[in-house]
Amino acid sequence: MMSDILLINPVLPDIDASLCASYRVHRYYEQDDKDDFLRAVGSRIRGVVTGGASGIDRALMQKLPALEVVAVNGIGTDAVDLEQARARGIHVSTTPGVLTDDVADLAIGLLIAACRGLCAGDRYVRQGKWGKSGLPLARRFSGMRVGIVGLGRVGRAIATRAAAFGCPVSYTDLREVPDAPYAYIDDLADLARASDALVLAASADDAEGIIDARVLDALGPTGYLINVARGRLVNERDLIEALEAGRIAGAGVDVFVDEPHVPPALFDIEQVTLQPHRGSATVETRRAMGHIVLASLAEAFAGRRPATSVTT
């Protein structure tokens, strides 16, 4: 007998086809009246497939009494009610490792785009301004002092890439990472003060608004902020005020506090490069993530602990 699963976000067509071949798939994201939908199918749902940003909150989890596994198609669990999952013995699995390179690539891409004004240059050419007006000189990326917040898998991959551009790298984390070949700076503001670019690669499980006016002022008027981690790490109001006042030079942002809602004030700031949470958005990585999700569901329904479970 096929098990029922709830799909919170769309997945790649081939992964969707594999889910449909093995399970009865209920598409939460397609429902207009989600409460009515859950009243009809909620009691049968044994598994949930969700994204790192979407997660699953306490209210939704409580409407799924048969739930056994939440397969997160990503690495973040800050949007998942882990306390309730642990209390109910629900597996929460993630897809670590496979998205590291893509997220690190985007971090460096955002930093280069912000420093070199790539998006502004693209608009300049498309709008027919070339030869009619000038653009300001850009900021060199190679050799910049790069500070990384969070030296996990993604943070290390960003550091490796930055070092290849001749960038001195320093970092902060909850504690010093043994054998890390980079300078450890305990205080976040001190790290910002010692950096030309501050790159966020930390988990947001226990952090909110850590990048505030104090840190941005320490980064200073020639500094850049790059966020490929979680939007809630940044106080967005403080970031907007710092950008508008020229207290930092620019930013590259892939994640936001209330996705997909982006603070409108950011749209008018030329020094910001924006992306719609696309850190892992390549066919190769999303397919690899999907296969881990499929494996996690199969293992949980067979009574085994998924290899990437972070709970039971």
C-alpha atoms as a PDB file:
ATOM      1  CA  MET A   1       0.000   0.000   0.000  1.00  0.00           C
ATOM      2  CA  MET A   2       1.393   3.390  -0.987  1.00  0.00           C
ATOM      3  CA  SER A   3       2.234   5.913   1.729  1.00  0.00           C
ATOM      4  CA  ASP A   4       0.972   9.498   1.572  1.00  0.00           C
ATOM      5  CA  ILE A   5       3.479  12.343   1.519  1.00  0.00           C
ATOM      6  CA  LEU A   6       3.021  16.100   1.556  1.00  0.00           C
ATOM      7  CA  LEU A   7       5.092  18.112  -0.901  1.00  0.00           C
ATOM      8  CA  ILE A   8       5.543  21.654   0.436  1.00  0.00           C
ATOM      9  CA  ASN A   9       7.574  22.984  -2.511  1.00  0.00           C
ATOM     10  CA  PRO A  10       8.008  21.819  -6.123  1.00  0.00           C
ATOM     11  CA  VAL A  11      10.996  19.589  -6.956  1.00  0.00           C
ATOM     12  CA  LEU A  12      12.700  18.691 -10.228  1.00  0.00           C
ATOM     13  CA  PRO A  13      10.438  16.796 -12.656  1.00  0.00           C
ATOM     14  CA  ASP A  14      12.470  13.566 -12.480  1.00  0.00           C
ATOM     15  CA  ILE A  15      12.475  13.652  -8.661  1.00  0.00           C
ATOM     16  CA  ASP A  16       8.736  14.401  -8.712  1.00  0.00           C
ATOM     17  CA  ALA A  17       8.219  11.422 -11.009  1.00  0.00           C
ATOM     18  CA  SER A  18      10.144   9.175  -8.607  1.00  0.00           C
ATOM     19  CA  LEU A  19       8.031  10.388  -5.691  1.00  0.00           C
ATOM     20  CA  CYS A  20       4.830   9.724  -7.635  1.00  0.00           C
ATOM     21  CA  ALA A  21       6.021   6.231  -8.549  1.00  0.00           C
ATOM     22  CA  SER A  22       6.470   5.279  -4.894  1.00  0.00           C
ATOM     23  CA  TYR A  23       3.978   7.404  -2.945  1.00  0.00           C
ATOM     24  CA  ARG A  24       0.685   9.232  -3.095  1.00  0.00           C
ATOM     25  CA  VAL A  25       1.893  12.809  -3.452  1.00  0.00           C
ATOM     26  CA  HIS A  26      -0.208  15.672  -2.110  1.00  0.00           C
ATOM     27  CA  ARG A  27       0.916  19.108  -3.335  1.00  0.00           C
ATOM     28  CA  TYR A  28       0.535  21.577  -0.496  1.00  0.00           C
ATOM     29  CA  TYR A  29       1.844  24.469  -2.598  1.00  0.00           C
ATOM     30  CA  GLU A  30      -1.030  24.095  -5.084  1.00  0.00           C
ATOM     31  CA  GLN A  31      -3.822  24.361  -2.519  1.00  0.00           C
ATOM     32  CA  ASP A  32      -5.876  27.545  -2.184  1.00  0.00           C
ATOM     33  CA  ASP A  33      -7.687  26.402   0.961  1.00  0.00           C
ATOM     34  CA  LYS A  34      -4.899  24.681   2.847  1.00  0.00           C
ATOM     35  CA  ASP A  35      -6.943  24.122   6.024  1.00  0.00           C
ATOM     36  CA  ASP A  36      -9.693  22.318   4.138  1.00  0.00           C
ATOM     37  CA  PHE A  37      -7.077  20.313   2.256  1.00  0.00           C
ATOM     38  CA  LEU A  38      -5.387  19.213   5.490  1.00  0.00           C
ATOM     39  CA  ARG A  39      -8.684  18.210   7.029  1.00  0.00           C
ATOM     40  CA  ALA A  40      -9.114  15.831   4.099  1.00  0.00           C
ATOM     41  CA  VAL A  41      -5.635  14.294   3.913  1.00  0.00           C
ATOM     42  CA  GLY A  42      -3.687  15.362   7.022  1.00  0.00           C
ATOM     43  CA  SER A  43      -4.356  12.228   9.042  1.00  0.00           C
ATOM     44  CA  ARG A  44      -2.810  10.035   6.307  1.00  0.00           C
ATOM     45  CA  ILE A  45       0.430  11.958   5.763  1.00  0.00           C
ATOM     46  CA  ARG A  46       3.478   9.929   6.817  1.00  0.00           C
ATOM     47  CA  GLY A  47       6.180  12.052   5.191  1.00  0.00           C
ATOM     48  CA  VAL A  48       6.803  15.688   4.320  1.00  0.00           C
ATOM     49  CA  VAL A  49       9.196  16.991   1.673  1.00  0.00           C
ATOM     50  CA  THR A  50      10.037  20.643   2.184  1.00  0.00           C
ATOM     51  CA  GLY A  51      12.695  23.236   1.447  1.00  0.00           C
ATOM     52  CA  GLY A  52      15.165  24.690   3.893  1.00  0.00           C
ATOM     53  CA  ALA A  53      13.508  28.096   3.881  1.00  0.00           C
ATOM     54  CA  SER A  54       9.932  26.750   3.992  1.00  0.00           C
ATOM     55  CA  GLY A  55      10.492  24.091   6.640  1.00  0.00           C
ATOM     56  CA  ILE A  56       7.460  23.003   8.644  1.00  0.00           C
ATOM     57  CA  ASP A  57       6.156  24.864  11.664  1.00  0.00           C
ATOM     58  CA  ARG A  58       4.492  23.561  14.816  1.00  0.00           C
ATOM     59  CA  ALA A  59       0.962  24.350  13.628  1.00  0.00           C
ATOM     60  CA  LEU A  60       1.311  22.344  10.426  1.00  0.00           C
ATOM     61  CA  MET A  61       3.129  19.479  12.113  1.00  0.00           C
ATOM     62  CA  GLN A  62       0.326  19.155  14.660  1.00  0.00           C
ATOM     63  CA  LYS A  63      -2.159  18.608  11.821  1.00  0.00           C
ATOM     64  CA  LEU A  64      -0.197  15.555  10.665  1.00  0.00           C
ATOM     65  CA  PRO A  65      -0.648  12.957  13.442  1.00  0.00           C
ATOM     66  CA  ALA A  66       0.868  10.079  11.410  1.00  0.00           C
ATOM     67  CA  LEU A  67       3.991  11.997  10.425  1.00  0.00           C
ATOM     68  CA  GLU A  68       7.205   9.942  10.574  1.00  0.00           C
ATOM     69  CA  VAL A  69       9.745  11.899   8.543  1.00  0.00           C
ATOM     70  CA  VAL A  70      10.403  15.448   7.348  1.00  0.00           C
ATOM     71  CA  ALA A  71      12.837  15.365   4.425  1.00  0.00           C
ATOM     72  CA  VAL A  72      14.331  18.828   4.037  1.00  0.00           C
ATOM     73  CA  ASN A  73      15.513  19.487   0.492  1.00  0.00           C
ATOM     74  CA  GLY A  74      18.338  21.682   1.800  1.00  0.00           C
ATOM     75  CA  ILE A  75      20.662  22.037   4.769  1.00  0.00           C
ATOM     76  CA  GLY A  76      18.840  24.508   7.004  1.00  0.00           C
ATOM     77  CA  THR A  77      16.562  23.314   9.807  1.00  0.00           C
ATOM     78  CA  ASP A  78      15.819  26.683  11.417  1.00  0.00           C
ATOM     79  CA  ALA A  79      12.339  26.699   9.803  1.00  0.00           C
ATOM     80  CA  VAL A  80      11.518  23.234  11.197  1.00  0.00           C
ATOM     81  CA  ASP A  81      10.043  22.732  14.653  1.00  0.00           C
ATOM     82  CA  LEU A  82      12.784  20.391  15.821  1.00  0.00           C
ATOM     83  CA  GLU A  83      11.524  20.377  19.398  1.00  0.00           C
ATOM     84  CA  GLN A  84       8.192  18.873  18.377  1.00  0.00           C
ATOM     85  CA  ALA A  85       9.872  16.515  15.927  1.00  0.00           C
ATOM     86  CA  ARG A  86      12.129  15.128  18.646  1.00  0.00           C
ATOM     87  CA  ALA A  87       9.254  14.836  21.112  1.00  0.00           C
ATOM     88  CA  ARG A  88       7.238  12.811  18.587  1.00  0.00           C
ATOM     89  CA  GLY A  89      10.163  10.726  17.296  1.00  0.00           C
ATOM     90  CA  ILE A  90       9.928  12.248  13.820  1.00  0.00           C
ATOM     91  CA  HIS A  91      13.043  12.031  11.655  1.00  0.00           C
ATOM     92  CA  VAL A  92      14.192  15.349  10.172  1.00  0.00           C
ATOM     93  CA  SER A  93      16.709  14.768   7.387  1.00  0.00           C
ATOM     94  CA  THR A  94      18.723  17.266   5.340  1.00  0.00           C
ATOM     95  CA  THR A  95      20.869  17.171   2.200  1.00  0.00           C
ATOM     96  CA  PRO A  96      24.347  18.158   3.419  1.00  0.00           C
ATOM     97  CA  GLY A  97      27.451  18.287   1.271  1.00  0.00           C
ATOM     98  CA  VAL A  98      25.917  18.224  -2.191  1.00  0.00           C
ATOM     99  CA  LEU A  99      25.032  21.938  -2.332  1.00  0.00           C
ATOM    100  CA  THR A 100      28.274  23.222  -0.815  1.00  0.00           C
ATOM    101  CA  ASP A 101      30.031  24.088  -4.071  1.00  0.00           C
ATOM    102  CA  ASP A 102      27.053  25.830  -5.649  1.00  0.00           C
ATOM    103  CA  VAL A 103      26.413  28.033  -2.618  1.00  0.00           C
ATOM    104  CA  ALA A 104      30.102  28.899  -2.336  1.00  0.00           C
ATOM    105  CA  ASP A 105      30.234  29.698  -6.060  1.00  0.00           C
ATOM    106  CA  LEU A 106      27.283  32.053  -5.699  1.00  0.00           C
ATOM    107  CA  ALA A 107      28.843  33.771  -2.691  1.00  0.00           C
ATOM    108  CA  ILE A 108      31.953  34.598  -4.699  1.00  0.00           C
ATOM    109  CA  GLY A 109      29.799  35.523  -7.697  1.00  0.00           C
ATOM    110  CA  LEU A 110      27.760  37.944  -5.602  1.00  0.00           C
ATOM    111  CA  LEU A 111      30.906  39.477  -4.166  1.00  0.00           C
ATOM    112  CA  ILE A 112      32.465  39.995  -7.586  1.00  0.00           C
ATOM    113  CA  ALA A 113      29.149  41.325  -8.933  1.00  0.00           C
ATOM    114  CA  ALA A 114      28.848  43.785  -6.068  1.00  0.00           C
ATOM    115  CA  CYS A 115      32.466  44.956  -6.258  1.00  0.00           C
ATOM    116  CA  ARG A 116      32.623  45.233 -10.036  1.00  0.00           C
ATOM    117  CA  GLY A 117      29.076  46.527 -10.526  1.00  0.00           C
ATOM    118  CA  LEU A 118      28.226  43.731 -12.962  1.00  0.00           C
ATOM    119  CA  CYS A 119      24.463  44.208 -12.744  1.00  0.00           C
ATOM    120  CA  ALA A 120      24.794  47.985 -13.100  1.00  0.00           C
ATOM    121  CA  GLY A 121      27.021  47.447 -16.133  1.00  0.00           C
ATOM    122  CA  ASP A 122      24.507  45.061 -17.663  1.00  0.00           C
ATOM    123  CA  ARG A 123      21.715  47.616 -17.256  1.00  0.00           C
ATOM    124  CA  TYR A 124      23.996  50.356 -18.646  1.00  0.00           C
ATOM    125  CA  VAL A 125      24.558  48.396 -21.854  1.00  0.00           C
ATOM    126  CA  ARG A 126      20.945  47.238 -22.241  1.00  0.00           C
ATOM    127  CA  GLN A 127      19.622  50.773 -21.769  1.00  0.00           C
ATOM    128  CA  GLY A 128      21.845  52.105 -24.561  1.00  0.00           C
ATOM    129  CA  LYS A 129      23.887  54.352 -22.276  1.00  0.00           C
ATOM    130  CA  TRP A 130      27.289  53.091 -23.422  1.00  0.00           C
ATOM    131  CA  GLY A 131      29.096  55.895 -25.205  1.00  0.00           C
ATOM    132  CA  LYS A 132      26.636  58.473 -23.892  1.00  0.00           C
ATOM    133  CA  SER A 133      27.453  58.561 -20.196  1.00  0.00           C
ATOM    134  CA  GLY A 134      30.027  57.061 -17.865  1.00  0.00           C
ATOM    135  CA  LEU A 135      30.065  54.540 -15.072  1.00  0.00           C
ATOM    136  CA  PRO A 136      32.039  54.982 -11.847  1.00  0.00           C
ATOM    137  CA  LEU A 137      35.174  52.894 -11.429  1.00  0.00           C
ATOM    138  CA  ALA A 138      34.628  49.582  -9.668  1.00  0.00           C
ATOM    139  CA  ARG A 139      36.345  47.948  -6.680  1.00  0.00           C
ATOM    140  CA  ARG A 140      38.948  45.220  -7.264  1.00  0.00           C
ATOM    141  CA  PHE A 141      38.001  41.874  -5.729  1.00  0.00           C
ATOM    142  CA  SER A 142      41.375  40.088  -5.870  1.00  0.00           C
ATOM    143  CA  GLY A 143      43.314  40.627  -2.673  1.00  0.00           C
ATOM    144  CA  MET A 144      40.350  41.841  -0.592  1.00  0.00           C
ATOM    145  CA  ARG A 145      40.327  40.864   3.061  1.00  0.00           C
ATOM    146  CA  VAL A 146      37.441  38.398   3.345  1.00  0.00           C
ATOM    147  CA  GLY A 147      35.798  37.642   6.684  1.00  0.00           C
ATOM    148  CA  ILE A 148      33.572  34.573   6.868  1.00  0.00           C
ATOM    149  CA  VAL A 149      30.831  34.122   9.447  1.00  0.00           C
ATOM    150  CA  GLY A 150      30.502  30.372   9.970  1.00  0.00           C
ATOM    151  CA  LEU A 151      33.297  28.032   8.900  1.00  0.00           C
ATOM    152  CA  GLY A 152      31.253  24.929   8.172  1.00  0.00           C
ATOM    153  CA  ARG A 153      31.224  23.133   4.819  1.00  0.00           C
ATOM    154  CA  VAL A 154      30.029  26.191   2.896  1.00  0.00           C
ATOM    155  CA  GLY A 155      32.234  28.606   4.810  1.00  0.00           C
ATOM    156  CA  ARG A 156      35.326  26.503   4.110  1.00  0.00           C
ATOM    157  CA  ALA A 157      34.442  26.265   0.404  1.00  0.00           C
ATOM    158  CA  ILE A 158      34.048  30.054   0.235  1.00  0.00           C
ATOM    159  CA  ALA A 159      37.390  30.484   1.988  1.00  0.00           C
ATOM    160  CA  THR A 160      39.119  28.184  -0.513  1.00  0.00           C
ATOM    161  CA  ARG A 161      37.715  30.163  -3.424  1.00  0.00           C
ATOM    162  CA  ALA A 162      38.571  33.525  -1.894  1.00  0.00           C
ATOM    163  CA  ALA A 163      42.116  32.381  -1.156  1.00  0.00           C
ATOM    164  CA  ALA A 164      42.521  31.439  -4.829  1.00  0.00           C
ATOM    165  CA  PHE A 165      41.949  35.121  -5.633  1.00  0.00           C
ATOM    166  CA  GLY A 166      44.739  36.106  -3.276  1.00  0.00           C
ATOM    167  CA  CYS A 167      42.343  37.187  -0.517  1.00  0.00           C
ATOM    168  CA  PRO A 168      43.493  36.981   3.104  1.00  0.00           C
ATOM    169  CA  VAL A 169      40.754  35.069   4.941  1.00  0.00           C
ATOM    170  CA  SER A 170      39.638  35.302   8.552  1.00  0.00           C
ATOM    171  CA  TYR A 171      36.545  33.912  10.218  1.00  0.00           C
ATOM    172  CA  THR A 172      34.362  33.687  13.269  1.00  0.00           C
ATOM    173  CA  ASP A 173      32.290  30.789  14.540  1.00  0.00           C
ATOM    174  CA  LEU A 174      30.845  29.551  17.822  1.00  0.00           C
ATOM    175  CA  ARG A 175      34.387  28.446  18.639  1.00  0.00           C
ATOM    176  CA  GLU A 176      37.736  28.230  16.893  1.00  0.00           C
ATOM    177  CA  VAL A 177      37.836  25.458  14.276  1.00  0.00           C
ATOM    178  CA  PRO A 178      40.776  23.091  14.859  1.00  0.00           C
ATOM    179  CA  ASP A 179      43.361  23.044  12.064  1.00  0.00           C
ATOM    180  CA  ALA A 180      41.597  25.768  10.060  1.00  0.00           C
ATOM    181  CA  PRO A 181      44.341  27.614   8.122  1.00  0.00           C
ATOM    182  CA  TYR A 182      42.658  30.996   8.615  1.00  0.00           C
ATOM    183  CA  ALA A 183      42.777  33.645  11.305  1.00  0.00           C
ATOM    184  CA  TYR A 184      40.103  33.225  13.980  1.00  0.00           C
ATOM    185  CA  ILE A 185      38.470  36.389  15.323  1.00  0.00           C
ATOM    186  CA  ASP A 186      36.070  35.776  18.170  1.00  0.00           C
ATOM    187  CA  ASP A 187      34.050  39.015  18.054  1.00  0.00           C
ATOM    188  CA  LEU A 188      31.807  39.606  15.032  1.00  0.00           C
ATOM    189  CA  ALA A 189      32.346  43.371  14.985  1.00  0.00           C
ATOM    190  CA  ASP A 190      36.105  42.864  15.207  1.00  0.00           C
ATOM    191  CA  LEU A 191      35.907  40.482  12.236  1.00  0.00           C
ATOM    192  CA  ALA A 192      33.939  43.065  10.264  1.00  0.00           C
ATOM    193  CA  ARG A 193      36.472  45.758  11.166  1.00  0.00           C
ATOM    194  CA  ALA A 194      39.299  43.546   9.881  1.00  0.00           C
ATOM    195  CA  SER A 195      37.478  42.724   6.602  1.00  0.00           C
ATOM    196  CA  ASP A 196      36.793  44.388   3.272  1.00  0.00           C
ATOM    197  CA  ALA A 197      33.981  41.890   2.691  1.00  0.00           C
ATOM    198  CA  LEU A 198      31.921  40.014   5.264  1.00  0.00           C
ATOM    199  CA  VAL A 199      30.378  36.785   3.952  1.00  0.00           C
ATOM    200  CA  LEU A 200      27.609  35.041   5.895  1.00  0.00           C
ATOM    201  CA  ALA A 201      27.664  31.243   5.772  1.00  0.00           C
ATOM    202  CA  ALA A 202      26.409  30.460   9.274  1.00  0.00           C
ATOM    203  CA  SER A 203      23.426  28.468  10.452  1.00  0.00           C
ATOM    204  CA  ALA A 204      20.512  30.568  11.677  1.00  0.00           C
ATOM    205  CA  ASP A 205      19.310  27.957  14.174  1.00  0.00           C
ATOM    206  CA  ASP A 206      20.235  30.046  17.199  1.00  0.00           C
ATOM    207  CA  ALA A 207      20.968  33.449  15.672  1.00  0.00           C
ATOM    208  CA  GLU A 208      18.816  36.344  14.549  1.00  0.00           C
ATOM    209  CA  GLY A 209      19.769  39.866  13.556  1.00  0.00           C
ATOM    210  CA  ILE A 210      23.438  39.388  14.413  1.00  0.00           C
ATOM    211  CA  ILE A 211      24.407  41.636  11.508  1.00  0.00           C
ATOM    212  CA  ASP A 212      23.158  44.939  12.859  1.00  0.00           C
ATOM    213  CA  ALA A 213      24.181  48.608  12.788  1.00  0.00           C
ATOM    214  CA  ARG A 214      27.141  47.957  15.091  1.00  0.00           C
ATOM    215  CA  VAL A 215      28.592  45.288  12.799  1.00  0.00           C
ATOM    216  CA  LEU A 216      27.835  47.230   9.621  1.00  0.00           C
ATOM    217  CA  ASP A 217      29.529  50.338  11.006  1.00  0.00           C
ATOM    218  CA  ALA A 218      32.548  48.187  11.840  1.00  0.00           C
ATOM    219  CA  LEU A 219      32.573  46.931   8.236  1.00  0.00           C
ATOM    220  CA  GLY A 220      32.675  50.564   7.158  1.00  0.00           C
ATOM    221  CA  PRO A 221      32.113  52.689   4.043  1.00  0.00           C
ATOM    222  CA  THR A 222      34.429  50.606   1.838  1.00  0.00           C
ATOM    223  CA  GLY A 223      33.095  47.236   3.006  1.00  0.00           C
ATOM    224  CA  TYR A 224      30.702  44.766   1.387  1.00  0.00           C
ATOM    225  CA  LEU A 225      28.196  42.352   2.957  1.00  0.00           C
ATOM    226  CA  ILE A 226      27.349  39.050   1.250  1.00  0.00           C
ATOM    227  CA  ASN A 227      24.592  36.776   2.565  1.00  0.00           C
ATOM    228  CA  VAL A 228      24.083  33.232   1.209  1.00  0.00           C
ATOM    229  CA  ALA A 229      23.049  31.787   4.575  1.00  0.00           C
ATOM    230  CA  ARG A 230      19.701  32.893   6.030  1.00  0.00           C
ATOM    231  CA  GLY A 231      17.932  36.231   5.828  1.00  0.00           C
ATOM    232  CA  ARG A 232      17.186  36.346   9.534  1.00  0.00           C
ATOM    233  CA  LEU A 233      20.888  36.679  10.331  1.00  0.00           C
ATOM    234  CA  VAL A 234      20.654  40.287   9.130  1.00  0.00           C
ATOM    235  CA  ASN A 235      18.694  43.186  10.577  1.00  0.00           C
ATOM    236  CA  GLU A 236      17.317  44.299   7.209  1.00  0.00           C
ATOM    237  CA  ARG A 237      16.321  47.763   8.421  1.00  0.00           C
ATOM    238  CA  ASP A 238      19.875  48.382   9.646  1.00  0.00           C
ATOM    239  CA  LEU A 239      21.263  47.094   6.341  1.00  0.00           C
ATOM    240  CA  ILE A 240      19.037  49.395   4.296  1.00  0.00           C
ATOM    241  CA  GLU A 241      19.948  52.408   6.424  1.00  0.00           C
ATOM    242  CA  ALA A 242      23.661  51.619   6.160  1.00  0.00           C
ATOM    243  CA  LEU A 243      23.443  51.292   2.368  1.00  0.00           C
ATOM    244  CA  GLU A 244      21.366  54.440   1.910  1.00  0.00           C
ATOM    245  CA  ALA A 245      23.728  56.451   4.085  1.00  0.00           C
ATOM    246  CA  GLY A 246      26.861  55.063   2.418  1.00  0.00           C
ATOM    247  CA  ARG A 247      28.048  53.550   5.696  1.00  0.00           C
ATOM    248  CA  ILE A 248      28.915  50.383   3.729  1.00  0.00           C
ATOM    249  CA  ALA A 249      29.890  50.209   0.051  1.00  0.00           C
ATOM    250  CA  GLY A 250      27.498  47.520  -1.138  1.00  0.00           C
ATOM    251  CA  ALA A 251      25.914  44.124  -0.632  1.00  0.00           C
ATOM    252  CA  GLY A 252      25.058  40.873  -2.401  1.00  0.00           C
ATOM    253  CA  VAL A 253      21.963  39.195  -0.986  1.00  0.00           C
ATOM    254  CA  ASP A 254      20.481  35.804  -1.863  1.00  0.00           C
ATOM    255  CA  VAL A 255      18.291  35.306   1.223  1.00  0.00           C
ATOM    256  CA  PHE A 256      15.744  37.440   3.048  1.00  0.00           C
ATOM    257  CA  VAL A 257      13.830  37.475   6.313  1.00  0.00           C
ATOM    258  CA  ASP A 258      10.348  37.009   4.817  1.00  0.00           C
ATOM    259  CA  GLU A 259      10.835  35.231   1.510  1.00  0.00           C
ATOM    260  CA  PRO A 260       9.701  35.776  -1.174  1.00  0.00           C
ATOM    261  CA  HIS A 261       8.999  39.280   0.118  1.00  0.00           C
ATOM    262  CA  VAL A 262      12.013  41.559  -0.331  1.00  0.00           C
ATOM    263  CA  PRO A 263      12.127  44.995   1.362  1.00  0.00           C
ATOM    264  CA  PRO A 264      11.162  47.374  -1.493  1.00  0.00           C
ATOM    265  CA  ALA A 265      13.800  49.882  -0.386  1.00  0.00           C
ATOM    266  CA  LEU A 266      16.486  47.499  -1.653  1.00  0.00           C
ATOM    267  CA  PHE A 267      15.181  47.751  -5.228  1.00  0.00           C
ATOM    268  CA  ASP A 268      16.293  51.357  -5.542  1.00  0.00           C
ATOM    269  CA  ILE A 269      19.787  50.917  -4.125  1.00  0.00           C
ATOM    270  CA  GLU A 270      22.248  50.569  -7.003  1.00  0.00           C
ATOM    271  CA  GLN A 271      24.971  49.120  -4.779  1.00  0.00           C
ATOM    272  CA  VAL A 272      22.975  45.956  -4.010  1.00  0.00           C
ATOM    273  CA  THR A 273      22.967  42.752  -6.077  1.00  0.00           C
ATOM    274  CA  LEU A 274      19.846  40.683  -5.385  1.00  0.00           C
ATOM    275  CA  GLN A 275      19.092  37.016  -6.029  1.00  0.00           C
ATOM    276  CA  PRO A 276      15.902  34.978  -5.296  1.00  0.00           C
ATOM    277  CA  HIS A 277      17.450  32.383  -2.929  1.00  0.00           C
ATOM    278  CA  ARG A 278      19.276  30.502  -5.686  1.00  0.00           C
ATOM    279  CA  GLY A 279      22.342  29.276  -3.821  1.00  0.00           C
ATOM    280  CA  SER A 280      21.731  25.616  -4.686  1.00  0.00           C
ATOM    281  CA  ALA A 281      19.743  26.275  -7.859  1.00  0.00           C
ATOM    282  CA  THR A 282      21.597  24.202 -10.424  1.00  0.00           C
ATOM    283  CA  VAL A 283      20.208  21.112 -12.088  1.00  0.00           C
ATOM    284  CA  GLU A 284      23.128  19.016 -10.856  1.00  0.00           C
ATOM    285  CA  THR A 285      22.785  19.983  -7.215  1.00  0.00           C
ATOM    286  CA  ARG A 286      19.003  19.923  -7.053  1.00  0.00           C
ATOM    287  CA  ARG A 287      19.024  16.424  -8.578  1.00  0.00           C
ATOM    288  CA  ALA A 288      21.587  15.225  -6.024  1.00  0.00           C
ATOM    289  CA  MET A 289      19.541  16.792  -3.226  1.00  0.00           C
ATOM    290  CA  GLY A 290      16.415  15.097  -4.542  1.00  0.00           C
ATOM    291  CA  HIS A 291      18.046  11.686  -4.467  1.00  0.00           C
ATOM    292  CA  ILE A 292      18.968  12.188  -0.804  1.00  0.00           C
ATOM    293  CA  VAL A 293      15.345  13.143  -0.093  1.00  0.00           C
ATOM    294  CA  LEU A 294      14.145   9.958  -1.824  1.00  0.00           C
ATOM    295  CA  ALA A 295      16.592   7.867   0.197  1.00  0.00           C
ATOM    296  CA  SER A 296      15.528   9.524   3.461  1.00  0.00           C
ATOM    297  CA  LEU A 297      11.861   8.749   2.850  1.00  0.00           C
ATOM    298  CA  ALA A 298      12.599   5.136   1.938  1.00  0.00           C
ATOM    299  CA  GLU A 299      14.789   4.592   4.998  1.00  0.00           C
ATOM    300  CA  ALA A 300      12.279   6.139   7.395  1.00  0.00           C
ATOM    301  CA  PHE A 301       9.332   4.144   6.027  1.00  0.00           C
ATOM    302  CA  ALA A 302      11.430   0.977   6.313  1.00  0.00           C
ATOM    303  CA  GLY A 303      11.879   1.697  10.015  1.00  0.00           C
ATOM    304  CA  ARG A 304      15.483   2.845   9.738  1.00  0.00           C
ATOM    305  CA  ARG A 305      17.110   6.123  10.664  1.00  0.00           C
ATOM    306  CA  PRO A 306      17.833   8.197   7.537  1.00  0.00           C
ATOM    307  CA  ALA A 307      21.556   8.681   7.066  1.00  0.00           C
ATOM    308  CA  THR A 308      21.218  12.477   7.243  1.00  0.00           C
ATOM    309  CA  SER A 309      18.701  12.670  10.092  1.00  0.00           C
ATOM    310  CA  VAL A 310      19.386  15.468  12.593  1.00  0.00           C
ATOM    311  CA  THR A 311      16.844  14.312  15.160  1.00  0.00           C
ATOM    312  CA  THR A 312      16.168  10.683  16.100  1.00  0.00           C
END
